[in-house]
C-alpha atoms as a PDB file:
ATOM      1  CA  UNK A   1      84.383 178.193  -5.918  1.00  0.00           C
ATOM      2  CA  UNK A   2      85.842 180.082  -2.984  1.00  0.00           C
ATOM      3  CA  UNK A   3      84.008 180.138   0.290  1.00  0.00           C
ATOM      4  CA  UNK A   4      83.853 183.096   2.648  1.00  0.00           C
ATOM      5  CA  UNK A   5      87.200 184.257   3.932  1.00  0.00           C
ATOM      6  CA  UNK A   6      88.385 184.401   7.496  1.00  0.00           C
ATOM      7  CA  UNK A   7      87.986 188.183   7.624  1.00  0.00           C
ATOM      8  CA  UNK A   8      84.354 187.929   6.506  1.00  0.00           C
ATOM      9  CA  UNK A   9      83.703 185.308   9.188  1.00  0.00           C
ATOM     10  CA  UNK A  10      85.304 187.503  11.857  1.00  0.00           C
ATOM     11  CA  UNK A  11      83.234 190.504  10.756  1.00  0.00           C
ATOM     12  CA  UNK A  12      80.034 188.446  10.831  1.00  0.00           C
ATOM     13  CA  UNK A  13      80.874 186.969  14.230  1.00  0.00           C
ATOM     14  CA  UNK A  14      81.612 190.396  15.691  1.00  0.00           C
ATOM     15  CA  UNK A  15      78.421 191.822  14.229  1.00  0.00           C
ATOM     16  CA  UNK A  16      76.277 188.958  15.509  1.00  0.00           C
ATOM     17  CA  UNK A  17      77.780 189.130  18.973  1.00  0.00           C
ATOM     18  CA  UNK A  18      76.783 192.799  19.198  1.00  0.00           C
ATOM     19  CA  UNK A  19      73.448 192.521  17.389  1.00  0.00           C
ATOM     20  CA  UNK A  20      72.180 189.231  18.837  1.00  0.00           C
ATOM     21  CA  UNK A  21      71.144 190.612  22.241  1.00  0.00           C
ATOM     22  CA  UNK A  22      69.491 193.588  20.537  1.00  0.00           C
ATOM     23  CA  UNK A  23      67.426 191.236  18.368  1.00  0.00           C
ATOM     24  CA  UNK A  24      66.376 189.243  21.445  1.00  0.00           C
ATOM     25  CA  UNK A  25      65.321 192.406  23.312  1.00  0.00           C
ATOM     26  CA  UNK A  26      63.521 193.693  20.204  1.00  0.00           C
ATOM     27  CA  UNK A  27      61.644 190.416  19.839  1.00  0.00           C
ATOM     28  CA  UNK A  28      60.668 190.487  23.501  1.00  0.00           C
ATOM     29  CA  UNK A  29      59.384 194.051  23.168  1.00  0.00           C
ATOM     30  CA  UNK A  30      57.352 193.079  20.103  1.00  0.00           C
ATOM     31  CA  UNK A  31      55.956 190.020  21.890  1.00  0.00           C
ATOM     32  CA  UNK A  32      54.780 192.089  24.860  1.00  0.00           C
ATOM     33  CA  UNK A  33      53.127 194.714  22.654  1.00  0.00           C
ATOM     34  CA  UNK A  34      55.674 197.535  22.760  1.00  0.00           C
ATOM     35  CA  UNK A  35      56.093 197.763  18.997  1.00  0.00           C
ATOM     36  CA  UNK A  36      57.950 201.088  18.798  1.00  0.00           C
ATOM     37  CA  UNK A  37      60.679 199.928  21.166  1.00  0.00           C
ATOM     38  CA  UNK A  38      60.810 196.521  19.462  1.00  0.00           C
ATOM     39  CA  UNK A  39      61.255 198.004  15.988  1.00  0.00           C
ATOM     40  CA  UNK A  40      63.835 200.418  17.401  1.00  0.00           C
ATOM     41  CA  UNK A  41      65.892 197.581  18.862  1.00  0.00           C
ATOM     42  CA  UNK A  42      65.653 195.624  15.600  1.00  0.00           C
ATOM     43  CA  UNK A  43      66.904 198.672  13.692  1.00  0.00           C
ATOM     44  CA  UNK A  44      69.720 199.183  16.196  1.00  0.00           C
ATOM     45  CA  UNK A  45      70.592 195.494  15.845  1.00  0.00           C
ATOM     46  CA  UNK A  46      70.821 195.814  12.058  1.00  0.00           C
ATOM     47  CA  UNK A  47      73.193 198.761  12.416  1.00  0.00           C
ATOM     48  CA  UNK A  48      75.333 196.816  14.893  1.00  0.00           C
ATOM     49  CA  UNK A  49      75.303 193.762  12.611  1.00  0.00           C
ATOM     50  CA  UNK A  50      76.780 195.627   9.641  1.00  0.00           C
ATOM     51  CA  UNK A  51      79.029 198.045  11.550  1.00  0.00           C
ATOM     52  CA  UNK A  52      82.179 195.827  11.556  1.00  0.00           C
ATOM     53  CA  UNK A  53      81.908 195.310   7.789  1.00  0.00           C
ATOM     54  CA  UNK A  54      81.445 199.041   7.235  1.00  0.00           C
ATOM     55  CA  UNK A  55      84.421 199.796   9.444  1.00  0.00           C
ATOM     56  CA  UNK A  56      86.736 197.370   7.640  1.00  0.00           C
ATOM     57  CA  UNK A  57      85.577 198.636   4.238  1.00  0.00           C
ATOM     58  CA  UNK A  58      86.110 202.226   5.335  1.00  0.00           C
ATOM     59  CA  UNK A  59      89.648 201.818   6.665  1.00  0.00           C
ATOM     60  CA  UNK A  60      90.684 199.018   4.315  1.00  0.00           C
ATOM     61  CA  UNK A  61      91.471 195.364   4.795  1.00  0.00           C
ATOM     62  CA  UNK A  62      94.583 193.704   6.177  1.00  0.00           C
ATOM     63  CA  UNK A  63      96.596 194.357   3.008  1.00  0.00           C
ATOM     64  CA  UNK A  64      95.940 198.083   3.285  1.00  0.00           C
ATOM     65  CA  UNK A  65      96.922 198.035   6.957  1.00  0.00           C
ATOM     66  CA  UNK A  66     100.218 196.298   6.124  1.00  0.00           C
ATOM     67  CA  UNK A  67     100.936 198.649   3.210  1.00  0.00           C
ATOM     68  CA  UNK A  68     100.357 201.680   5.422  1.00  0.00           C
ATOM     69  CA  UNK A  69     102.576 200.211   8.139  1.00  0.00           C
ATOM     70  CA  UNK A  70     105.412 199.462   5.718  1.00  0.00           C
ATOM     71  CA  UNK A  71     104.995 202.789   3.926  1.00  0.00           C
ATOM     72  CA  UNK A  72     105.222 204.688   7.185  1.00  0.00           C
ATOM     73  CA  UNK A  73     108.675 203.283   7.970  1.00  0.00           C
ATOM     74  CA  UNK A  74     110.033 203.189   4.387  1.00  0.00           C
ATOM     75  CA  UNK A  75     112.922 205.330   3.198  1.00  0.00           C
ATOM     76  CA  UNK A  76     111.973 208.904   2.507  1.00  0.00           C
ATOM     77  CA  UNK A  77     114.823 209.855   0.105  1.00  0.00           C
ATOM     78  CA  UNK A  78     113.333 207.828  -2.766  1.00  0.00           C
ATOM     79  CA  UNK A  79     109.928 209.468  -2.446  1.00  0.00           C
ATOM     80  CA  UNK A  80     111.413 212.981  -2.610  1.00  0.00           C
ATOM     81  CA  UNK A  81     113.227 212.307  -5.887  1.00  0.00           C
ATOM     82  CA  UNK A  82     110.277 210.779  -7.723  1.00  0.00           C
ATOM     83  CA  UNK A  83     107.490 213.031  -8.863  1.00  0.00           C
ATOM     84  CA  UNK A  84     103.867 212.057  -9.333  1.00  0.00           C
ATOM     85  CA  UNK A  85     104.268 212.108 -13.131  1.00  0.00           C
ATOM     86  CA  UNK A  86     107.207 209.699 -12.971  1.00  0.00           C
ATOM     87  CA  UNK A  87     105.256 207.330 -10.779  1.00  0.00           C
ATOM     88  CA  UNK A  88     102.265 207.434 -13.105  1.00  0.00           C
ATOM     89  CA  UNK A  89     104.378 206.721 -16.171  1.00  0.00           C
ATOM     90  CA  UNK A  90     106.273 203.874 -14.507  1.00  0.00           C
ATOM     91  CA  UNK A  91     103.031 202.348 -13.279  1.00  0.00           C
ATOM     92  CA  UNK A  92     101.507 202.305 -16.775  1.00  0.00           C
ATOM     93  CA  UNK A  93     104.676 200.847 -18.269  1.00  0.00           C
ATOM     94  CA  UNK A  94     104.811 198.160 -15.618  1.00  0.00           C
ATOM     95  CA  UNK A  95     101.164 197.257 -16.152  1.00  0.00           C
ATOM     96  CA  UNK A  96     101.636 196.874 -19.896  1.00  0.00           C
ATOM     97  CA  UNK A  97     104.565 194.465 -19.364  1.00  0.00           C
ATOM     98  CA  UNK A  98     102.981 192.342 -16.627  1.00  0.00           C
ATOM     99  CA  UNK A  99     100.598 189.455 -17.105  1.00  0.00           C
ATOM    100  CA  UNK A 100      96.953 189.658 -16.023  1.00  0.00           C
ATOM    101  CA  UNK A 101      97.711 187.348 -13.116  1.00  0.00           C
ATOM    102  CA  UNK A 102     100.456 189.672 -11.861  1.00  0.00           C
ATOM    103  CA  UNK A 103      98.095 192.647 -12.097  1.00  0.00           C
ATOM    104  CA  UNK A 104      95.491 190.789 -10.014  1.00  0.00           C
ATOM    105  CA  UNK A 105      98.086 189.884  -7.402  1.00  0.00           C
ATOM    106  CA  UNK A 106      99.146 193.529  -7.170  1.00  0.00           C
ATOM    107  CA  UNK A 107      95.695 194.691  -6.088  1.00  0.00           C
END
């Protein structure tokens, strides 16, 4: 069984570092009787806790970042010659020849 990855731990650490003080302030507001402000800070803390995960999911993980970086500096003559239909056909042919493990690695 795989444990959480390093990226998940970084996302959680970043979220907790932003949300922790908001939870403390929210708890203090609730303790002193200012419930609206306390609930507001708890809600703001929840948003801050999940924001790094949302951001990484929205823009993609490290593999997507690397693919975009490499794709940006790749040769442009090959992409002009190939059409979308050719790429689609080659992709299906390649998938049918490859093993399931190779298809998982390609994701």
